[in-house]
Amino acid sequence: PDRFAATMQIGIGAIKGTYKGTVQIADKQEPAQYTLAVEGSAAPGFVRGKALMKLQVEDDNVTRLVIDADVQVGGLIASVGQRFVSGIAKQLMRELLVNIEQSLKPETTA
């Protein structure tokens, strides 16, 4: 029930791929934390990662999201783009956080 099919488009320079794989939510300790595990593969290689996602209540109106992640890449994309992997991981994390923020905003009625 906590396992989902995923498709990610990732590219480093001219090496691009559509990675197909899974995202799994594990080790849930609701509502405080869970682990997010991602696996995917494509012609340029593979990507695997785990992230421990923790919610820390700071006061009545502020909750901090703390993420401790480890990502591995292999294949052509790793050998050619090794020095860019950290930047791409940060970009993907920013996109994730923007999507989370958008999903938490109340819907406006027209």
PDB file of N, CA and C in Angstrom:
ATOM      1  N   PRO A   1       0.804  -1.216   0.000  1.00  0.00           N
ATOM      2  CA  PRO A   1       0.000   0.000   0.000  1.00  0.00           C
ATOM      3  C   PRO A   1       0.842   1.274   0.000  1.00  0.00           C
ATOM      4  N   ASP A   2       2.056   1.221   0.522  1.00  0.00           N
ATOM      5  CA  ASP A   2       2.910   2.406   0.566  1.00  0.00           C
ATOM      6  C   ASP A   2       4.018   2.328  -0.478  1.00  0.00           C
ATOM      7  N   ARG A   3       3.761   1.645  -1.584  1.00  0.00           N
ATOM      8  CA  ARG A   3       4.728   1.505  -2.677  1.00  0.00           C
ATOM      9  C   ARG A   3       4.062   2.013  -3.950  1.00  0.00           C
ATOM     10  N   PHE A   4       4.776   2.885  -4.676  1.00  0.00           N
ATOM     11  CA  PHE A   4       4.198   3.542  -5.839  1.00  0.00           C
ATOM     12  C   PHE A   4       5.136   3.437  -7.032  1.00  0.00           C
ATOM     13  N   ALA A   5       4.567   3.331  -8.225  1.00  0.00           N
ATOM     14  CA  ALA A   5       5.357   3.395  -9.452  1.00  0.00           C
ATOM     15  C   ALA A   5       5.748   4.851  -9.675  1.00  0.00           C
ATOM     16  N   ALA A   6       6.959   5.068 -10.195  1.00  0.00           N
ATOM     17  CA  ALA A   6       7.442   6.434 -10.398  1.00  0.00           C
ATOM     18  C   ALA A   6       8.152   6.546 -11.738  1.00  0.00           C
ATOM     19  N   THR A   7       8.061   7.734 -12.333  1.00  0.00           N
ATOM     20  CA  THR A   7       8.800   8.066 -13.547  1.00  0.00           C
ATOM     21  C   THR A   7       9.477   9.408 -13.304  1.00  0.00           C
ATOM     22  N   MET A   8      10.809   9.455 -13.497  1.00  0.00           N
ATOM     23  CA  MET A   8      11.576  10.681 -13.288  1.00  0.00           C
ATOM     24  C   MET A   8      12.391  10.971 -14.532  1.00  0.00           C
ATOM     25  N   GLN A   9      12.404  12.216 -14.956  1.00  0.00           N
ATOM     26  CA  GLN A   9      13.266  12.621 -16.060  1.00  0.00           C
ATOM     27  C   GLN A   9      14.451  13.360 -15.468  1.00  0.00           C
ATOM     28  N   ILE A  10      15.641  12.783 -15.651  1.00  0.00           N
ATOM     29  CA  ILE A  10      16.861  13.355 -15.089  1.00  0.00           C
ATOM     30  C   ILE A  10      17.887  13.444 -16.199  1.00  0.00           C
ATOM     31  N   GLY A  11      18.624  14.554 -16.226  1.00  0.00           N
ATOM     32  CA  GLY A  11      19.656  14.705 -17.236  1.00  0.00           C
ATOM     33  C   GLY A  11      20.833  15.507 -16.730  1.00  0.00           C
ATOM     34  N   ILE A  12      22.003  15.140 -17.197  1.00  0.00           N
ATOM     35  CA  ILE A  12      23.225  15.893 -16.937  1.00  0.00           C
ATOM     36  C   ILE A  12      23.815  16.199 -18.301  1.00  0.00           C
ATOM     37  N   GLY A  13      23.739  17.454 -18.704  1.00  0.00           N
ATOM     38  CA  GLY A  13      24.221  17.823 -20.030  1.00  0.00           C
ATOM     39  C   GLY A  13      23.453  17.074 -21.103  1.00  0.00           C
ATOM     40  N   ALA A  14      24.191  16.412 -21.991  1.00  0.00           N
ATOM     41  CA  ALA A  14      23.562  15.686 -23.097  1.00  0.00           C
ATOM     42  C   ALA A  14      23.077  14.300 -22.682  1.00  0.00           C
ATOM     43  N   ILE A  15      23.436  13.857 -21.488  1.00  0.00           N
ATOM     44  CA  ILE A  15      23.028  12.525 -21.028  1.00  0.00           C
ATOM     45  C   ILE A  15      21.731  12.664 -20.249  1.00  0.00           C
ATOM     46  N   LYS A  16      20.662  12.222 -20.877  1.00  0.00           N
ATOM     47  CA  LYS A  16      19.342  12.339 -20.272  1.00  0.00           C
ATOM     48  C   LYS A  16      18.670  10.980 -20.286  1.00  0.00           C
ATOM     49  N   GLY A  17      17.761  10.792 -19.352  1.00  0.00           N
ATOM     50  CA  GLY A  17      17.033   9.536 -19.326  1.00  0.00           C
ATOM     51  C   GLY A  17      15.721   9.674 -18.593  1.00  0.00           C
ATOM     52  N   THR A  18      14.792   8.819 -18.945  1.00  0.00           N
ATOM     53  CA  THR A  18      13.533   8.718 -18.224  1.00  0.00           C
ATOM     54  C   THR A  18      13.640   7.479 -17.354  1.00  0.00           C
ATOM     55  N   TYR A  19      13.753   7.708 -16.068  1.00  0.00           N
ATOM     56  CA  TYR A  19      13.957   6.633 -15.108  1.00  0.00           C
ATOM     57  C   TYR A  19      12.612   6.117 -14.636  1.00  0.00           C
ATOM     58  N   LYS A  20      12.437   4.814 -14.715  1.00  0.00           N
ATOM     59  CA  LYS A  20      11.217   4.182 -14.221  1.00  0.00           C
ATOM     60  C   LYS A  20      11.598   3.341 -13.020  1.00  0.00           C
ATOM     61  N   GLY A  21      10.775   3.426 -11.988  1.00  0.00           N
ATOM     62  CA  GLY A  21      11.092   2.680 -10.783  1.00  0.00           C
ATOM     63  C   GLY A  21       9.990   2.777  -9.759  1.00  0.00           C
ATOM     64  N   THR A  22      10.397   2.784  -8.488  1.00  0.00           N
ATOM     65  CA  THR A  22       9.430   2.797  -7.396  1.00  0.00           C
ATOM     66  C   THR A  22       9.817   3.813  -6.332  1.00  0.00           C
ATOM     67  N   VAL A  23       8.806   4.250  -5.613  1.00  0.00           N
ATOM     68  CA  VAL A  23       8.976   5.064  -4.415  1.00  0.00           C
ATOM     69  C   VAL A  23       8.228   4.328  -3.313  1.00  0.00           C
ATOM     70  N   GLN A  24       8.894   4.131  -2.186  1.00  0.00           N
ATOM     71  CA  GLN A  24       8.260   3.412  -1.086  1.00  0.00           C
ATOM     72  C   GLN A  24       8.381   4.216   0.200  1.00  0.00           C
ATOM     73  N   ILE A  25       7.286   4.264   0.945  1.00  0.00           N
ATOM     74  CA  ILE A  25       7.268   4.898   2.262  1.00  0.00           C
ATOM     75  C   ILE A  25       7.405   3.769   3.283  1.00  0.00           C
ATOM     76  N   ALA A  26       8.405   3.881   4.167  1.00  0.00           N
ATOM     77  CA  ALA A  26       8.664   2.815   5.138  1.00  0.00           C
ATOM     78  C   ALA A  26       8.964   3.422   6.509  1.00  0.00           C
ATOM     79  N   ASP A  27       9.064   2.572   7.496  1.00  0.00           N
ATOM     80  CA  ASP A  27       9.451   2.962   8.857  1.00  0.00           C
ATOM     81  C   ASP A  27       8.630   4.145   9.370  1.00  0.00           C
ATOM     82  N   LYS A  28       7.327   4.095   9.122  1.00  0.00           N
ATOM     83  CA  LYS A  28       6.467   5.210   9.525  1.00  0.00           C
ATOM     84  C   LYS A  28       6.321   5.268  11.040  1.00  0.00           C
ATOM     85  N   GLN A  29       6.501   6.461  11.560  1.00  0.00           N
ATOM     86  CA  GLN A  29       6.217   6.767  12.955  1.00  0.00           C
ATOM     87  C   GLN A  29       5.355   8.021  12.938  1.00  0.00           C
ATOM     88  N   GLU A  30       4.102   7.830  12.518  1.00  0.00           N
ATOM     89  CA  GLU A  30       3.200   8.967  12.318  1.00  0.00           C
ATOM     90  C   GLU A  30       2.943   9.696  13.619  1.00  0.00           C
ATOM     91  N   PRO A  31       2.869  10.996  13.603  1.00  0.00           N
ATOM     92  CA  PRO A  31       3.083  11.890  12.466  1.00  0.00           C
ATOM     93  C   PRO A  31       4.502  12.437  12.397  1.00  0.00           C
ATOM     94  N   ALA A  32       5.440  11.861  13.142  1.00  0.00           N
ATOM     95  CA  ALA A  32       6.753  12.484  13.316  1.00  0.00           C
ATOM     96  C   ALA A  32       7.769  12.198  12.213  1.00  0.00           C
ATOM     97  N   GLN A  33       7.798  10.976  11.659  1.00  0.00           N
ATOM     98  CA  GLN A  33       8.838  10.683  10.671  1.00  0.00           C
ATOM     99  C   GLN A  33       8.503   9.458   9.840  1.00  0.00           C
ATOM    100  N   TYR A  34       9.222   9.337   8.719  1.00  0.00           N
ATOM    101  CA  TYR A  34       9.146   8.162   7.863  1.00  0.00           C
ATOM    102  C   TYR A  34      10.379   8.146   6.969  1.00  0.00           C
ATOM    103  N   THR A  35      10.606   7.011   6.320  1.00  0.00           N
ATOM    104  CA  THR A  35      11.697   6.883   5.365  1.00  0.00           C
ATOM    105  C   THR A  35      11.101   6.791   3.968  1.00  0.00           C
ATOM    106  N   LEU A  36      11.686   7.523   3.040  1.00  0.00           N
ATOM    107  CA  LEU A  36      11.275   7.506   1.642  1.00  0.00           C
ATOM    108  C   LEU A  36      12.400   6.832   0.862  1.00  0.00           C
ATOM    109  N   ALA A  37      12.104   5.705   0.201  1.00  0.00           N
ATOM    110  CA  ALA A  37      13.101   4.975  -0.584  1.00  0.00           C
ATOM    111  C   ALA A  37      12.731   5.062  -2.060  1.00  0.00           C
ATOM    112  N   VAL A  38      13.722   5.391  -2.904  1.00  0.00           N
ATOM    113  CA  VAL A  38      13.502   5.574  -4.334  1.00  0.00           C
ATOM    114  C   VAL A  38      14.479   4.691  -5.099  1.00  0.00           C
ATOM    115  N   GLU A  39      13.981   4.006  -6.126  1.00  0.00           N
ATOM    116  CA  GLU A  39      14.826   3.230  -7.035  1.00  0.00           C
ATOM    117  C   GLU A  39      14.342   3.465  -8.450  1.00  0.00           C
ATOM    118  N   GLY A  40      15.282   3.627  -9.380  1.00  0.00           N
ATOM    119  CA  GLY A  40      14.899   3.794 -10.773  1.00  0.00           C
ATOM    120  C   GLY A  40      16.051   3.446 -11.692  1.00  0.00           C
ATOM    121  N   SER A  41      15.711   3.074 -12.927  1.00  0.00           N
ATOM    122  CA  SER A  41      16.752   2.771 -13.901  1.00  0.00           C
ATOM    123  C   SER A  41      16.314   3.243 -15.282  1.00  0.00           C
ATOM    124  N   ALA A  42      17.324   3.513 -16.109  1.00  0.00           N
ATOM    125  CA  ALA A  42      17.119   3.948 -17.491  1.00  0.00           C
ATOM    126  C   ALA A  42      18.387   3.600 -18.257  1.00  0.00           C
ATOM    127  N   ALA A  43      18.397   3.878 -19.557  1.00  0.00           N
ATOM    128  CA  ALA A  43      19.568   3.564 -20.380  1.00  0.00           C
ATOM    129  C   ALA A  43      20.859   4.182 -19.830  1.00  0.00           C
ATOM    130  N   PRO A  44      20.848   5.443 -19.323  1.00  0.00           N
ATOM    131  CA  PRO A  44      22.104   6.013 -18.827  1.00  0.00           C
ATOM    132  C   PRO A  44      22.578   5.452 -17.487  1.00  0.00           C
ATOM    133  N   GLY A  45      21.766   4.648 -16.791  1.00  0.00           N
ATOM    134  CA  GLY A  45      22.218   4.114 -15.512  1.00  0.00           C
ATOM    135  C   GLY A  45      21.083   3.917 -14.531  1.00  0.00           C
ATOM    136  N   PHE A  46      21.429   4.011 -13.244  1.00  0.00           N
ATOM    137  CA  PHE A  46      20.419   3.800 -12.209  1.00  0.00           C
ATOM    138  C   PHE A  46      20.560   4.866 -11.130  1.00  0.00           C
ATOM    139  N   VAL A  47      19.509   5.010 -10.353  1.00  0.00           N
ATOM    140  CA  VAL A  47      19.509   5.886  -9.189  1.00  0.00           C
ATOM    141  C   VAL A  47      18.810   5.146  -8.052  1.00  0.00           C
ATOM    142  N   ARG A  48      19.404   5.210  -6.862  1.00  0.00           N
ATOM    143  CA  ARG A  48      18.828   4.623  -5.651  1.00  0.00           C
ATOM    144  C   ARG A  48      19.029   5.627  -4.533  1.00  0.00           C
ATOM    145  N   GLY A  49      18.040   5.752  -3.695  1.00  0.00           N
ATOM    146  CA  GLY A  49      18.202   6.680  -2.589  1.00  0.00           C
ATOM    147  C   GLY A  49      17.241   6.412  -1.457  1.00  0.00           C
ATOM    148  N   LYS A  50      17.630   6.885  -0.280  1.00  0.00           N
ATOM    149  CA  LYS A  50      16.784   6.823   0.907  1.00  0.00           C
ATOM    150  C   LYS A  50      16.858   8.170   1.592  1.00  0.00           C
ATOM    151  N   ALA A  51      15.736   8.583   2.131  1.00  0.00           N
ATOM    152  CA  ALA A  51      15.700   9.836   2.875  1.00  0.00           C
ATOM    153  C   ALA A  51      14.863   9.647   4.130  1.00  0.00           C
ATOM    154  N   LEU A  52      15.432  10.009   5.264  1.00  0.00           N
ATOM    155  CA  LEU A  52      14.689  10.026   6.516  1.00  0.00           C
ATOM    156  C   LEU A  52      14.071  11.410   6.632  1.00  0.00           C
ATOM    157  N   MET A  53      12.746  11.465   6.677  1.00  0.00           N
ATOM    158  CA  MET A  53      12.004  12.722   6.731  1.00  0.00           C
ATOM    159  C   MET A  53      11.438  12.867   8.145  1.00  0.00           C
ATOM    160  N   LYS A  54      11.846  13.935   8.851  1.00  0.00           N
ATOM    161  CA  LYS A  54      11.387  14.155  10.225  1.00  0.00           C
ATOM    162  C   LYS A  54      10.696  15.506  10.334  1.00  0.00           C
ATOM    163  N   LEU A  55       9.584  15.525  11.048  1.00  0.00           N
ATOM    164  CA  LEU A  55       8.899  16.770  11.373  1.00  0.00           C
ATOM    165  C   LEU A  55       9.228  17.120  12.817  1.00  0.00           C
ATOM    166  N   GLN A  56       9.748  18.330  13.023  1.00  0.00           N
ATOM    167  CA  GLN A  56      10.081  18.792  14.366  1.00  0.00           C
ATOM    168  C   GLN A  56       9.252  20.032  14.672  1.00  0.00           C
ATOM    169  N   VAL A  57       8.403  19.936  15.685  1.00  0.00           N
ATOM    170  CA  VAL A  57       7.571  21.068  16.084  1.00  0.00           C
ATOM    171  C   VAL A  57       8.440  22.035  16.876  1.00  0.00           C
ATOM    172  N   GLU A  58       8.499  23.286  16.389  1.00  0.00           N
ATOM    173  CA  GLU A  58       9.306  24.300  17.069  1.00  0.00           C
ATOM    174  C   GLU A  58       8.456  25.173  17.977  1.00  0.00           C
ATOM    175  N   ASP A  59       7.247  25.489  17.562  1.00  0.00           N
ATOM    176  CA  ASP A  59       6.270  26.171  18.406  1.00  0.00           C
ATOM    177  C   ASP A  59       4.897  25.947  17.792  1.00  0.00           C
ATOM    178  N   ASP A  60       3.884  26.639  18.288  1.00  0.00           N
ATOM    179  CA  ASP A  60       2.514  26.392  17.834  1.00  0.00           C
ATOM    180  C   ASP A  60       2.301  26.627  16.341  1.00  0.00           C
ATOM    181  N   ASN A  61       3.095  27.512  15.734  1.00  0.00           N
ATOM    182  CA  ASN A  61       2.880  27.866  14.334  1.00  0.00           C
ATOM    183  C   ASN A  61       4.007  27.450  13.402  1.00  0.00           C
ATOM    184  N   VAL A  62       5.027  26.773  13.920  1.00  0.00           N
ATOM    185  CA  VAL A  62       6.183  26.439  13.093  1.00  0.00           C
ATOM    186  C   VAL A  62       6.542  24.966  13.258  1.00  0.00           C
ATOM    187  N   THR A  63       6.632  24.273  12.127  1.00  0.00           N
ATOM    188  CA  THR A  63       7.119  22.898  12.098  1.00  0.00           C
ATOM    189  C   THR A  63       8.244  22.826  11.080  1.00  0.00           C
ATOM    190  N   ARG A  64       9.370  22.276  11.480  1.00  0.00           N
ATOM    191  CA  ARG A  64      10.539  22.176  10.609  1.00  0.00           C
ATOM    192  C   ARG A  64      10.594  20.771  10.005  1.00  0.00           C
ATOM    193  N   LEU A  65      10.863  20.698   8.701  1.00  0.00           N
ATOM    194  CA  LEU A  65      11.073  19.431   8.013  1.00  0.00           C
ATOM    195  C   LEU A  65      12.577  19.212   7.906  1.00  0.00           C
ATOM    196  N   VAL A  66      13.082  18.143   8.528  1.00  0.00           N
ATOM    197  CA  VAL A  66      14.506  17.808   8.500  1.00  0.00           C
ATOM    198  C   VAL A  66      14.662  16.560   7.640  1.00  0.00           C
ATOM    199  N   ILE A  67      15.563  16.627   6.655  1.00  0.00           N
ATOM    200  CA  ILE A  67      15.756  15.520   5.720  1.00  0.00           C
ATOM    201  C   ILE A  67      17.213  15.085   5.752  1.00  0.00           C
ATOM    202  N   ASP A  68      17.435  13.793   5.979  1.00  0.00           N
ATOM    203  CA  ASP A  68      18.770  13.206   5.917  1.00  0.00           C
ATOM    204  C   ASP A  68      18.735  12.173   4.797  1.00  0.00           C
ATOM    205  N   ALA A  69      19.423  12.465   3.694  1.00  0.00           N
ATOM    206  CA  ALA A  69      19.293  11.626   2.498  1.00  0.00           C
ATOM    207  C   ALA A  69      20.639  11.083   2.043  1.00  0.00           C
ATOM    208  N   ASP A  70      20.573   9.930   1.387  1.00  0.00           N
ATOM    209  CA  ASP A  70      21.736   9.305   0.768  1.00  0.00           C
ATOM    210  C   ASP A  70      21.299   8.808  -0.600  1.00  0.00           C
ATOM    211  N   VAL A  71      22.014   9.222  -1.650  1.00  0.00           N
ATOM    212  CA  VAL A  71      21.648   8.857  -3.016  1.00  0.00           C
ATOM    213  C   VAL A  71      22.850   8.223  -3.699  1.00  0.00           C
ATOM    214  N   GLN A  72      22.590   7.165  -4.465  1.00  0.00           N
ATOM    215  CA  GLN A  72      23.627   6.512  -5.264  1.00  0.00           C
ATOM    216  C   GLN A  72      23.192   6.522  -6.718  1.00  0.00           C
ATOM    217  N   VAL A  73      24.129   6.802  -7.604  1.00  0.00           N
ATOM    218  CA  VAL A  73      23.869   6.706  -9.037  1.00  0.00           C
ATOM    219  C   VAL A  73      24.948   5.837  -9.650  1.00  0.00           C
ATOM    220  N   GLY A  74      24.614   5.164 -10.739  1.00  0.00           N
ATOM    221  CA  GLY A  74      25.579   4.301 -11.400  1.00  0.00           C
ATOM    222  C   GLY A  74      25.378   4.315 -12.899  1.00  0.00           C
ATOM    223  N   GLY A  75      26.342   3.784 -13.604  1.00  0.00           N
ATOM    224  CA  GLY A  75      26.270   3.731 -15.055  1.00  0.00           C
ATOM    225  C   GLY A  75      26.892   4.963 -15.686  1.00  0.00           C
ATOM    226  N   LEU A  76      26.539   5.205 -16.936  1.00  0.00           N
ATOM    227  CA  LEU A  76      27.109   6.308 -17.707  1.00  0.00           C
ATOM    228  C   LEU A  76      26.860   7.655 -17.047  1.00  0.00           C
ATOM    229  N   ILE A  77      25.671   7.845 -16.507  1.00  0.00           N
ATOM    230  CA  ILE A  77      25.348   9.138 -15.902  1.00  0.00           C
ATOM    231  C   ILE A  77      26.263   9.432 -14.711  1.00  0.00           C
ATOM    232  N   ALA A  78      26.684   8.410 -13.979  1.00  0.00           N
ATOM    233  CA  ALA A  78      27.582   8.607 -12.839  1.00  0.00           C
ATOM    234  C   ALA A  78      29.010   8.877 -13.302  1.00  0.00           C
ATOM    235  N   SER A  79      29.473   8.147 -14.309  1.00  0.00           N
ATOM    236  CA  SER A  79      30.860   8.317 -14.740  1.00  0.00           C
ATOM    237  C   SER A  79      31.086   9.658 -15.424  1.00  0.00           C
ATOM    238  N   VAL A  80      30.112  10.140 -16.165  1.00  0.00           N
ATOM    239  CA  VAL A  80      30.264  11.406 -16.876  1.00  0.00           C
ATOM    240  C   VAL A  80      29.907  12.587 -15.983  1.00  0.00           C
ATOM    241  N   GLY A  81      28.873  12.432 -15.181  1.00  0.00           N
ATOM    242  CA  GLY A  81      28.367  13.577 -14.437  1.00  0.00           C
ATOM    243  C   GLY A  81      28.595  13.531 -12.952  1.00  0.00           C
ATOM    244  N   GLN A  82      29.616  12.803 -12.490  1.00  0.00           N
ATOM    245  CA  GLN A  82      29.832  12.606 -11.064  1.00  0.00           C
ATOM    246  C   GLN A  82      29.896  13.918 -10.282  1.00  0.00           C
ATOM    247  N   ARG A  83      30.556  14.924 -10.825  1.00  0.00           N
ATOM    248  CA  ARG A  83      30.682  16.179 -10.078  1.00  0.00           C
ATOM    249  C   ARG A  83      29.394  16.989 -10.066  1.00  0.00           C
ATOM    250  N   PHE A  84      28.409  16.626 -10.903  1.00  0.00           N
ATOM    251  CA  PHE A  84      27.145  17.350 -10.955  1.00  0.00           C
ATOM    252  C   PHE A  84      26.045  16.699 -10.119  1.00  0.00           C
ATOM    253  N   VAL A  85      26.282  15.487  -9.631  1.00  0.00           N
ATOM    254  CA  VAL A  85      25.235  14.720  -8.945  1.00  0.00           C
ATOM    255  C   VAL A  85      24.706  15.462  -7.724  1.00  0.00           C
ATOM    256  N   SER A  86      25.577  16.055  -6.932  1.00  0.00           N
ATOM    257  CA  SER A  86      25.136  16.770  -5.734  1.00  0.00           C
ATOM    258  C   SER A  86      24.204  17.922  -6.095  1.00  0.00           C
ATOM    259  N   GLY A  87      24.543  18.683  -7.121  1.00  0.00           N
ATOM    260  CA  GLY A  87      23.697  19.796  -7.556  1.00  0.00           C
ATOM    261  C   GLY A  87      22.343  19.332  -8.046  1.00  0.00           C
ATOM    262  N   ILE A  88      22.317  18.225  -8.778  1.00  0.00           N
ATOM    263  CA  ILE A  88      21.049  17.693  -9.276  1.00  0.00           C
ATOM    264  C   ILE A  88      20.199  17.186  -8.122  1.00  0.00           C
ATOM    265  N   ALA A  89      20.826  16.525  -7.144  1.00  0.00           N
ATOM    266  CA  ALA A  89      20.082  16.052  -5.971  1.00  0.00           C
ATOM    267  C   ALA A  89      19.448  17.230  -5.230  1.00  0.00           C
ATOM    268  N   LYS A  90      20.184  18.327  -5.098  1.00  0.00           N
ATOM    269  CA  LYS A  90      19.636  19.515  -4.431  1.00  0.00           C
ATOM    270  C   LYS A  90      18.476  20.099  -5.230  1.00  0.00           C
ATOM    271  N   GLN A  91      18.600  20.111  -6.558  1.00  0.00           N
ATOM    272  CA  GLN A  91      17.519  20.627  -7.400  1.00  0.00           C
ATOM    273  C   GLN A  91      16.267  19.766  -7.259  1.00  0.00           C
ATOM    274  N   LEU A  92      16.424  18.442  -7.272  1.00  0.00           N
ATOM    275  CA  LEU A  92      15.276  17.552  -7.104  1.00  0.00           C
ATOM    276  C   LEU A  92      14.626  17.742  -5.738  1.00  0.00           C
ATOM    277  N   MET A  93      15.438  17.969  -4.700  1.00  0.00           N
ATOM    278  CA  MET A  93      14.895  18.197  -3.363  1.00  0.00           C
ATOM    279  C   MET A  93      14.108  19.507  -3.326  1.00  0.00           C
ATOM    280  N   ARG A  94      14.631  20.558  -3.983  1.00  0.00           N
ATOM    281  CA  ARG A  94      13.897  21.828  -4.043  1.00  0.00           C
ATOM    282  C   ARG A  94      12.546  21.635  -4.725  1.00  0.00           C
ATOM    283  N   GLU A  95      12.532  20.871  -5.834  1.00  0.00           N
ATOM    284  CA  GLU A  95      11.276  20.609  -6.540  1.00  0.00           C
ATOM    285  C   GLU A  95      10.299  19.855  -5.649  1.00  0.00           C
ATOM    286  N   LEU A  96      10.799  18.879  -4.887  1.00  0.00           N
ATOM    287  CA  LEU A  96       9.948  18.139  -3.957  1.00  0.00           C
ATOM    288  C   LEU A  96       9.334  19.081  -2.932  1.00  0.00           C
ATOM    289  N   LEU A  97      10.151  19.969  -2.363  1.00  0.00           N
ATOM    290  CA  LEU A  97       9.655  20.879  -1.333  1.00  0.00           C
ATOM    291  C   LEU A  97       8.650  21.879  -1.893  1.00  0.00           C
ATOM    292  N   VAL A  98       8.866  22.352  -3.114  1.00  0.00           N
ATOM    293  CA  VAL A  98       7.892  23.247  -3.753  1.00  0.00           C
ATOM    294  C   VAL A  98       6.566  22.515  -3.941  1.00  0.00           C
ATOM    295  N   ASN A  99       6.630  21.254  -4.375  1.00  0.00           N
ATOM    296  CA  ASN A  99       5.400  20.470  -4.559  1.00  0.00           C
ATOM    297  C   ASN A  99       4.683  20.236  -3.235  1.00  0.00           C
ATOM    298  N   ILE A 100       5.444  19.975  -2.169  1.00  0.00           N
ATOM    299  CA  ILE A 100       4.826  19.804  -0.850  1.00  0.00           C
ATOM    300  C   ILE A 100       4.150  21.101  -0.424  1.00  0.00           C
ATOM    301  N   GLU A 101       4.857  22.222  -0.594  1.00  0.00           N
ATOM    302  CA  GLU A 101       4.288  23.518  -0.213  1.00  0.00           C
ATOM    303  C   GLU A 101       3.003  23.803  -0.989  1.00  0.00           C
ATOM    304  N   GLN A 102       3.006  23.523  -2.292  1.00  0.00           N
ATOM    305  CA  GLN A 102       1.812  23.756  -3.111  1.00  0.00           C
ATOM    306  C   GLN A 102       0.650  22.882  -2.651  1.00  0.00           C
ATOM    307  N   SER A 103       0.943  21.641  -2.280  1.00  0.00           N
ATOM    308  CA  SER A 103      -0.138  20.743  -1.868  1.00  0.00           C
ATOM    309  C   SER A 103      -0.719  21.129  -0.512  1.00  0.00           C
ATOM    310  N   LEU A 104       0.025  21.886   0.294  1.00  0.00           N
ATOM    311  CA  LEU A 104      -0.458  22.299   1.610  1.00  0.00           C
ATOM    312  C   LEU A 104      -1.257  23.597   1.570  1.00  0.00           C
ATOM    313  N   LYS A 105      -1.175  24.328   0.462  1.00  0.00           N
ATOM    314  CA  LYS A 105      -1.919  25.581   0.355  1.00  0.00           C
ATOM    315  C   LYS A 105      -3.403  25.288   0.189  1.00  0.00           C
ATOM    316  N   PRO A 106      -4.241  26.082   0.852  1.00  0.00           N
ATOM    317  CA  PRO A 106      -5.686  25.869   0.678  1.00  0.00           C
ATOM    318  C   PRO A 106      -6.110  26.209  -0.747  1.00  0.00           C
ATOM    319  N   GLU A 107      -7.065  25.441  -1.251  1.00  0.00           N
ATOM    320  CA  GLU A 107      -7.578  25.703  -2.593  1.00  0.00           C
ATOM    321  C   GLU A 107      -8.460  26.937  -2.561  1.00  0.00           C
ATOM    322  N   THR A 108      -8.336  27.758  -3.604  1.00  0.00           N
ATOM    323  CA  THR A 108      -9.186  28.943  -3.700  1.00  0.00           C
ATOM    324  C   THR A 108     -10.361  28.622  -4.607  1.00  0.00           C
ATOM    325  N   THR A 109     -11.508  29.149  -4.257  1.00  0.00           N
ATOM    326  CA  THR A 109     -12.691  28.920  -5.085  1.00  0.00           C
ATOM    327  C   THR A 109     -12.890  30.106  -6.007  1.00  0.00           C
ATOM    328  N   ALA A 110     -13.296  29.824  -7.219  1.00  0.00           N
ATOM    329  CA  ALA A 110     -13.470  30.885  -8.222  1.00  0.00           C
ATOM    330  C   ALA A 110     -14.815  31.548  -8.092  1.00  0.00           C
TER     331      ALA A 110
END
